[in-house]
């Protein structure tokens, strides 16, 4: 999604939904030691538990979570549906179903399931963050703001929610607030290259290339293969009147991601200026 408040310097990255499924703690101490063949993997473990306790919701939920972690979303959906069929008030299972739909791009269905999840279990931080992102992608900024703030009220160190809130602020023209959120994210994850990149992009929107260069260079130190960071640094150098440095960064960005049209446009703008 392209920023709705990007001015003359568009960005080409989007916030990612935090679609990690709810974690499951597998209490291996409660499993008999004479079942080693079942212990080959968490998937075989929970498949065995489900087979022996098919009428219990929790084993289906736990099995679904393991399946989702292995990328088997179709079977994960089936197991989550079985869990809520057995226990209709299973908030975490509704969240997992929403996360699967979200992964598949079925945003309206994801929103429906997330809303049920937070109604049944309001303390699922990831559900509030995901719901906020789903609203955001549909242009529901006020709803997204509410959900991000709810998530951060429960867990101030939730970096994805911080970043997502920063995007929302950026896209509504609140650039200083966006930078504050990105900087707060760095307090919890000091080497988070994308946060530095996003700070740099926000400074570009503020027409402050010097500050942008500082942040984008740090992003590249941490993630030297980030095409987006090199592209942003190219923009900053271009605005600063340093076309040779800008050209080098745009070329680097394209070498890392030949499909990055923004960097190609930068090179075309500079063609003939060198």
Protein backbone atom coordinates (compact mmCIF):
# COMPACT_ATOMS: atom_id res chain seq x y z
CA UNK A 1 0.00 0.00 0.00
CA UNK A 2 1.43 3.36 -1.00
CA UNK A 3 1.37 6.16 1.51
CA UNK A 4 -1.62 8.43 1.27
CA UNK A 5 0.43 11.41 2.42
CA UNK A 6 3.64 10.90 0.56
CA UNK A 7 3.92 14.26 -1.14
CA UNK A 8 6.65 14.35 -3.76
CA UNK A 9 8.66 11.50 -2.35
CA UNK A 10 6.55 8.32 -2.36
CA UNK A 11 7.49 5.29 -0.39
CA UNK A 12 6.88 1.85 -1.78
CA UNK A 13 6.72 -0.32 1.31
CA UNK A 14 3.75 -1.26 3.43
CA UNK A 15 3.28 -2.21 7.05
CA UNK A 16 3.00 -5.92 7.52
CA UNK A 17 0.23 -7.49 9.51
CA UNK A 18 1.34 -9.28 12.59
CA UNK A 19 -0.22 -12.60 11.67
CA UNK A 20 1.71 -14.86 14.00
CA UNK A 21 -0.72 -17.41 15.35
CA UNK A 22 -1.26 -17.65 19.08
CA UNK A 23 1.60 -19.54 20.68
CA UNK A 24 1.06 -22.97 22.14
CA UNK A 25 3.03 -24.29 25.10
CA UNK A 26 3.47 -28.03 24.77
CA UNK A 27 3.83 -29.59 28.20
CA UNK A 28 5.96 -32.56 27.25
CA UNK A 29 6.39 -33.48 30.90
CA UNK A 30 2.83 -34.72 30.90
CA UNK A 31 3.38 -37.19 28.04
CA UNK A 32 4.39 -40.74 28.86
CA UNK A 33 8.03 -41.45 28.11
CA UNK A 34 7.17 -44.73 26.37
CA UNK A 35 5.66 -42.95 23.35
CA UNK A 36 8.89 -41.94 21.64
CA UNK A 37 7.54 -42.59 18.15
CA UNK A 38 4.95 -39.86 18.66
CA UNK A 39 7.61 -37.40 19.78
CA UNK A 40 9.23 -37.11 16.37
CA UNK A 41 7.70 -33.66 16.01
CA UNK A 42 5.11 -31.40 17.70
CA UNK A 43 2.81 -32.17 14.76
CA UNK A 44 2.84 -35.92 15.37
CA UNK A 45 2.50 -35.30 19.10
CA UNK A 46 -0.66 -33.23 18.76
CA UNK A 47 -2.08 -35.43 16.02
CA UNK A 48 -1.84 -38.27 18.51
CA UNK A 49 -3.45 -36.22 21.28
CA UNK A 50 -6.32 -35.22 18.96
CA UNK A 51 -6.84 -38.83 17.92
CA UNK A 52 -7.15 -39.88 21.54
CA UNK A 53 -9.23 -36.86 22.68
CA UNK A 54 -11.30 -35.85 19.65
CA UNK A 55 -14.06 -34.28 21.74
CA UNK A 56 -11.76 -31.80 23.51
CA UNK A 57 -11.31 -28.35 22.00
CA UNK A 58 -7.84 -27.56 23.26
CA UNK A 59 -5.98 -30.40 21.48
CA UNK A 60 -7.58 -29.34 18.19
CA UNK A 61 -6.49 -25.73 18.83
CA UNK A 62 -2.95 -26.77 19.74
CA UNK A 63 -2.71 -29.05 16.72
CA UNK A 64 -4.00 -26.23 14.50
CA UNK A 65 -1.34 -23.89 15.84
CA UNK A 66 1.43 -26.37 15.07
CA UNK A 67 0.02 -26.99 11.58
CA UNK A 68 -0.12 -23.26 10.90
CA UNK A 69 3.46 -22.88 12.07
CA UNK A 70 4.39 -25.54 9.51
CA UNK A 71 2.56 -23.65 6.77
CA UNK A 72 -0.33 -26.11 6.49
CA UNK A 73 -3.08 -23.50 6.75
CA UNK A 74 -5.85 -25.58 5.20
CA UNK A 75 -5.58 -28.26 7.87
CA UNK A 76 -4.99 -25.61 10.54
CA UNK A 77 -8.29 -24.00 9.59
CA UNK A 78 -10.07 -27.35 9.84
CA UNK A 79 -8.68 -27.98 13.32
CA UNK A 80 -9.55 -24.50 14.56
CA UNK A 81 -13.09 -24.93 13.24
CA UNK A 82 -13.35 -28.21 15.13
CA UNK A 83 -12.15 -26.44 18.28
CA UNK A 84 -14.87 -23.79 18.13
CA UNK A 85 -17.47 -26.39 17.17
CA UNK A 86 -16.68 -28.13 20.45
CA UNK A 87 -16.26 -24.90 22.44
CA UNK A 88 -17.90 -21.89 20.74
CA UNK A 89 -16.29 -19.40 23.14
CA UNK A 90 -12.69 -20.23 22.23
CA UNK A 91 -11.35 -16.72 21.53
CA UNK A 92 -7.86 -17.84 20.55
CA UNK A 93 -9.23 -20.25 17.97
CA UNK A 94 -11.28 -17.45 16.42
CA UNK A 95 -8.11 -15.35 16.33
CA UNK A 96 -6.22 -18.12 14.55
CA UNK A 97 -9.01 -18.46 12.00
CA UNK A 98 -8.88 -14.72 11.43
CA UNK A 99 -5.12 -14.84 10.99
CA UNK A 100 -5.46 -17.59 8.39
CA UNK A 101 -8.08 -15.63 6.45
CA UNK A 102 -5.86 -12.55 6.74
CA UNK A 103 -2.93 -14.47 5.30
CA UNK A 104 -5.11 -15.52 2.38
CA UNK A 105 -6.19 -11.93 1.73
CA UNK A 106 -9.77 -12.49 2.88
CA UNK A 107 -9.74 -9.31 4.95
CA UNK A 108 -13.45 -8.93 5.64
CA UNK A 109 -13.65 -12.47 6.97
CA UNK A 110 -10.53 -11.88 9.01
CA UNK A 111 -12.07 -8.78 10.58
CA UNK A 112 -15.19 -10.74 11.49
CA UNK A 113 -13.16 -13.43 13.26
CA UNK A 114 -10.83 -10.95 14.99
CA UNK A 115 -13.83 -9.05 16.33
CA UNK A 116 -15.27 -12.24 17.76
CA UNK A 117 -11.87 -13.11 19.24
CA UNK A 118 -11.46 -9.80 21.09
CA UNK A 119 -15.08 -9.89 22.24
CA UNK A 120 -14.54 -13.32 23.77
CA UNK A 121 -10.97 -12.69 24.98
CA UNK A 122 -10.09 -8.98 25.05
CA UNK A 123 -6.48 -9.58 26.14
CA UNK A 124 -5.23 -11.12 22.86
CA UNK A 125 -2.74 -8.42 21.94
CA UNK A 126 -2.03 -9.86 18.49
CA UNK A 127 -5.74 -9.85 17.65
CA UNK A 128 -5.99 -6.12 18.37
CA UNK A 129 -2.89 -5.43 16.27
CA UNK A 130 -4.11 -7.59 13.39
CA UNK A 131 -7.58 -6.09 13.56
CA UNK A 132 -6.03 -2.63 13.48
CA UNK A 133 -4.02 -3.52 10.40
CA UNK A 134 -7.07 -4.99 8.68
CA UNK A 135 -9.01 -1.79 9.32
CA UNK A 136 -6.02 0.25 8.13
CA UNK A 137 -5.86 -1.56 4.80
CA UNK A 138 -9.54 -0.78 4.26
CA UNK A 139 -9.11 2.91 5.10
CA UNK A 140 -10.68 2.68 8.55
CA UNK A 141 -8.03 4.79 10.24
CA UNK A 142 -9.99 5.66 13.36
CA UNK A 143 -10.81 2.01 13.99
CA UNK A 144 -7.20 1.07 13.32
CA UNK A 145 -5.98 3.74 15.73
CA UNK A 146 -8.27 2.39 18.44
CA UNK A 147 -7.00 -1.16 18.02
CA UNK A 148 -3.31 -0.23 17.89
CA UNK A 149 -3.66 1.85 21.03
CA UNK A 150 -5.48 -1.01 22.74
CA UNK A 151 -2.69 -3.41 21.81
CA UNK A 152 0.00 -1.03 23.04
CA UNK A 153 -1.92 -0.31 26.21
CA UNK A 154 -1.67 -4.00 27.03
CA UNK A 155 1.88 -4.46 25.75
CA UNK A 156 3.91 -1.28 25.19
CA UNK A 157 6.82 -3.34 23.83
CA UNK A 158 4.79 -4.74 20.92
CA UNK A 159 7.09 -3.57 18.13
CA UNK A 160 4.81 -4.48 15.21
CA UNK A 161 1.97 -2.45 16.70
CA UNK A 162 4.38 0.47 17.19
CA UNK A 163 5.47 0.28 13.57
CA UNK A 164 1.90 -0.08 12.33
CA UNK A 165 0.80 2.91 14.39
CA UNK A 166 3.72 4.83 12.92
CA UNK A 167 2.50 4.04 9.42
CA UNK A 168 -0.97 5.24 10.31
CA UNK A 169 0.41 8.51 11.67
CA UNK A 170 2.58 8.92 8.58
CA UNK A 171 -0.31 8.34 6.22
CA UNK A 172 -2.42 10.94 8.02
CA UNK A 173 0.33 13.54 7.87
CA UNK A 174 1.38 13.24 11.52
CA UNK A 175 5.05 12.78 10.72
CA UNK A 176 6.50 13.78 14.09
CA UNK A 177 4.18 11.31 15.82
CA UNK A 178 5.21 8.63 13.32
CA UNK A 179 8.89 9.23 14.04
CA UNK A 180 8.19 9.04 17.77
CA UNK A 181 6.60 5.62 17.33
CA UNK A 182 9.49 4.33 15.24
CA UNK A 183 11.97 5.60 17.82
CA UNK A 184 9.98 3.96 20.61
CA UNK A 185 10.13 0.68 18.68
CA UNK A 186 13.92 1.03 18.65
CA UNK A 187 13.96 1.23 22.45
CA UNK A 188 12.64 -2.31 22.51
CA UNK A 189 14.55 -3.54 19.43
CA UNK A 190 17.65 -1.36 19.05
CA UNK A 191 18.95 -3.05 15.89
CA UNK A 192 15.66 -3.00 13.98
CA UNK A 193 16.81 -1.80 10.56
CA UNK A 194 13.30 -1.16 9.23
CA UNK A 195 12.60 1.29 12.04
CA UNK A 196 15.64 3.35 11.02
CA UNK A 197 14.54 3.14 7.40
CA UNK A 198 11.06 4.34 8.27
CA UNK A 199 12.47 7.22 10.31
CA UNK A 200 14.55 8.18 7.30
CA UNK A 201 11.54 8.03 4.99
CA UNK A 202 9.55 10.20 7.39
CA UNK A 203 12.31 12.79 7.38
CA UNK A 204 12.21 12.76 3.59
CA UNK A 205 8.52 13.60 3.79
CA UNK A 206 9.44 16.41 6.19
CA UNK A 207 11.93 17.69 3.61
CA UNK A 208 14.80 17.10 6.02
CA UNK A 209 17.33 15.13 3.92
CA UNK A 210 20.19 15.52 6.40
CA UNK A 211 18.27 13.71 9.13
CA UNK A 212 17.04 11.20 6.57
CA UNK A 213 20.60 10.40 5.48
CA UNK A 214 21.67 9.76 9.06
CA UNK A 215 18.84 7.29 9.71
CA UNK A 216 19.05 5.58 6.33
CA UNK A 217 22.79 5.03 6.63
CA UNK A 218 22.16 3.34 9.98
CA UNK A 219 19.46 1.19 8.37
CA UNK A 220 21.94 0.08 5.71
CA UNK A 221 24.60 -0.68 8.31
CA UNK A 222 22.13 -3.06 9.95
CA UNK A 223 20.58 -4.40 6.72
CA UNK A 224 23.01 -3.85 3.82
CA UNK A 225 20.78 -5.79 1.41
CA UNK A 226 17.70 -3.64 1.95
CA UNK A 227 16.80 -2.27 -1.47
CA UNK A 228 14.26 0.07 0.12
CA UNK A 229 16.88 1.61 2.42
CA UNK A 230 19.30 2.19 -0.49
CA UNK A 231 16.47 3.69 -2.52
CA UNK A 232 15.57 6.02 0.33
CA UNK A 233 19.18 7.07 0.73
CA UNK A 234 19.29 7.76 -3.01
CA UNK A 235 16.31 10.10 -2.63
CA UNK A 236 17.97 11.86 0.29
CA UNK A 237 21.21 12.40 -1.65
CA UNK A 238 19.25 13.56 -4.69
CA UNK A 239 17.37 16.17 -2.65
CA UNK A 240 20.65 17.23 -1.03
CA UNK A 241 22.15 18.01 -4.46
CA UNK A 242 24.54 15.04 -4.52
CA UNK A 243 23.57 13.28 -7.75
CA UNK A 244 26.59 10.96 -7.95
CA UNK A 245 25.90 9.56 -4.50
CA UNK A 246 22.20 9.34 -5.33
CA UNK A 247 22.95 7.45 -8.55
CA UNK A 248 25.10 4.93 -6.70
CA UNK A 249 22.34 4.25 -4.18
CA UNK A 250 19.65 3.89 -6.83
CA UNK A 251 21.86 1.48 -8.75
CA UNK A 252 22.47 -0.53 -5.60
CA UNK A 253 18.75 -0.64 -4.87
CA UNK A 254 18.03 -1.95 -8.36
CA UNK A 255 20.78 -4.55 -8.14
CA UNK A 256 19.12 -5.85 -4.98
CA UNK A 257 15.59 -5.59 -6.33
CA UNK A 258 15.33 -5.16 -10.11
CA UNK A 259 11.59 -4.66 -9.76
CA UNK A 260 11.90 -1.57 -7.58
CA UNK A 261 10.41 0.95 -10.00
CA UNK A 262 11.01 3.88 -7.70
CA UNK A 263 14.78 3.41 -7.95
CA UNK A 264 14.54 3.18 -11.75
CA UNK A 265 12.63 6.42 -11.83
CA UNK A 266 15.37 7.98 -9.72
CA UNK A 267 17.99 6.96 -12.25
CA UNK A 268 15.90 8.38 -15.08
CA UNK A 269 15.58 11.69 -13.23
CA UNK A 270 19.34 11.84 -12.81
CA UNK A 271 20.14 10.79 -16.38
CA UNK A 272 22.05 13.61 -18.00
CA UNK A 273 22.75 15.37 -14.72
CA UNK A 274 26.07 13.61 -14.25
